Protein backbone atom coordinates (compact mmCIF):
# COMPACT_ATOMS: atom_id res chain seq x y z
CA UNK A 1 111.05 106.01 71.40
CA UNK A 2 111.25 108.74 73.99
CA UNK A 3 108.90 108.68 76.99
CA UNK A 4 107.19 111.89 78.08
CA UNK A 5 105.33 111.91 81.42
CA UNK A 6 102.55 114.46 81.79
CA UNK A 7 102.33 116.61 84.92
CA UNK A 8 99.19 114.74 86.04
CA UNK A 9 100.91 111.39 85.69
CA UNK A 10 104.05 112.60 87.49
CA UNK A 11 101.94 113.85 90.39
CA UNK A 12 100.06 110.54 90.58
CA UNK A 13 103.33 108.62 90.61
CA UNK A 14 104.84 110.86 93.31
CA UNK A 15 101.71 110.64 95.47
CA UNK A 16 101.52 106.84 95.15
CA UNK A 17 105.21 106.40 95.93
CA UNK A 18 104.91 108.61 99.02
CA UNK A 19 101.78 106.75 100.17
CA UNK A 20 103.46 103.34 99.85
CA UNK A 21 106.54 104.59 101.69
CA UNK A 22 104.36 105.80 104.57
CA UNK A 23 102.56 102.45 104.67
CA UNK A 24 105.79 100.46 104.86
CA UNK A 25 109.42 101.55 104.73
CA UNK A 26 110.93 100.55 101.39
CA UNK A 27 107.58 99.89 99.70
CA UNK A 28 107.72 103.24 97.89
CA UNK A 29 111.09 102.26 96.41
CA UNK A 30 109.67 98.91 95.31
CA UNK A 31 106.74 100.70 93.67
CA UNK A 32 109.18 102.97 91.83
CA UNK A 33 111.23 99.98 90.65
CA UNK A 34 108.14 98.17 89.33
CA UNK A 35 106.98 101.33 87.52
CA UNK A 36 110.42 101.83 85.94
CA UNK A 37 110.40 98.21 84.74
CA UNK A 38 106.92 98.70 83.26
CA UNK A 39 108.02 101.88 81.49
CA UNK A 40 110.99 100.03 80.04
CA UNK A 41 108.66 97.32 78.67
CA UNK A 42 106.39 99.98 77.20
CA UNK A 43 109.38 101.69 75.60
CA UNK A 44 110.64 98.40 74.12
CA UNK A 45 107.24 97.21 72.88
CA UNK A 46 104.93 100.25 72.71
CA UNK A 47 102.21 98.67 70.55
CA UNK A 48 101.93 95.44 72.53
CA UNK A 49 99.35 96.47 75.13
CA UNK A 50 95.63 96.79 74.45
CA UNK A 51 93.69 99.97 73.93
CA UNK A 52 91.85 101.40 76.92
CA UNK A 53 89.95 104.13 75.08
CA UNK A 54 90.51 105.54 71.60
CA UNK A 55 94.26 105.61 70.97
CA UNK A 56 95.15 105.32 74.67
CA UNK A 57 96.73 102.04 75.69
CA UNK A 58 96.97 100.44 79.12
CA UNK A 59 99.75 98.46 80.73
CA UNK A 60 98.88 96.67 83.97
CA UNK A 61 101.54 97.04 86.65
CA UNK A 62 102.74 93.85 88.38
CA UNK A 63 102.31 93.57 92.16
CA UNK A 64 100.49 96.90 92.55
CA UNK A 65 96.88 97.84 91.68
CA UNK A 66 97.86 100.33 88.97
CA UNK A 67 97.74 100.66 85.23
CA UNK A 68 99.82 102.97 83.10
CA UNK A 69 97.77 104.81 80.49
CA UNK A 70 99.73 106.05 77.49
CA UNK A 71 99.49 107.01 73.86
CA UNK A 72 101.94 107.16 71.02
CA UNK A 73 102.12 110.68 69.60
CA UNK A 74 104.55 111.91 66.95
CA UNK A 75 107.00 109.09 67.61
CA UNK A 76 106.91 109.58 71.39
CA UNK A 77 105.26 107.64 74.19
CA UNK A 78 103.18 110.01 76.31
CA UNK A 79 102.31 108.72 79.77
CA UNK A 80 98.90 110.17 80.60
CA UNK A 81 98.22 108.58 83.98
CA UNK A 82 99.33 106.10 86.61
CA UNK A 83 95.79 105.02 87.46
CA UNK A 84 94.80 103.10 90.58
CA UNK A 85 92.29 100.34 89.85
CA UNK A 86 89.77 101.74 92.34
CA UNK A 87 89.53 105.19 90.78
CA UNK A 88 86.81 106.19 88.37
CA UNK A 89 88.17 104.64 85.16
CA UNK A 90 87.60 107.77 83.07
CA UNK A 91 88.87 110.44 85.50
CA UNK A 92 91.96 111.17 83.40
CA UNK A 93 90.17 111.90 80.11
CA UNK A 94 89.60 115.63 80.57
CA UNK A 95 92.88 116.15 82.46
CA UNK A 96 95.34 115.13 79.78
């Protein structure tokens, strides 16, 4: 299945990566690597992770306080958000 990343999710990823890189040199690259590994697992096993809300599933990211919110639409995996655990859990609903 093909993975599509929404503009909101891409911005969240870019912002998080930049933040981690500012915090510690190389941490942004480690964040990116962990996210890429998570996306690969989602692509390989898209129906494995539990539902967050409606048809939106969540995959918890290892080593970072993030979850990837995604849905399967027309044979594609649509990444809706890279959500930090401390954000309002429903912030992404009206922005997809």
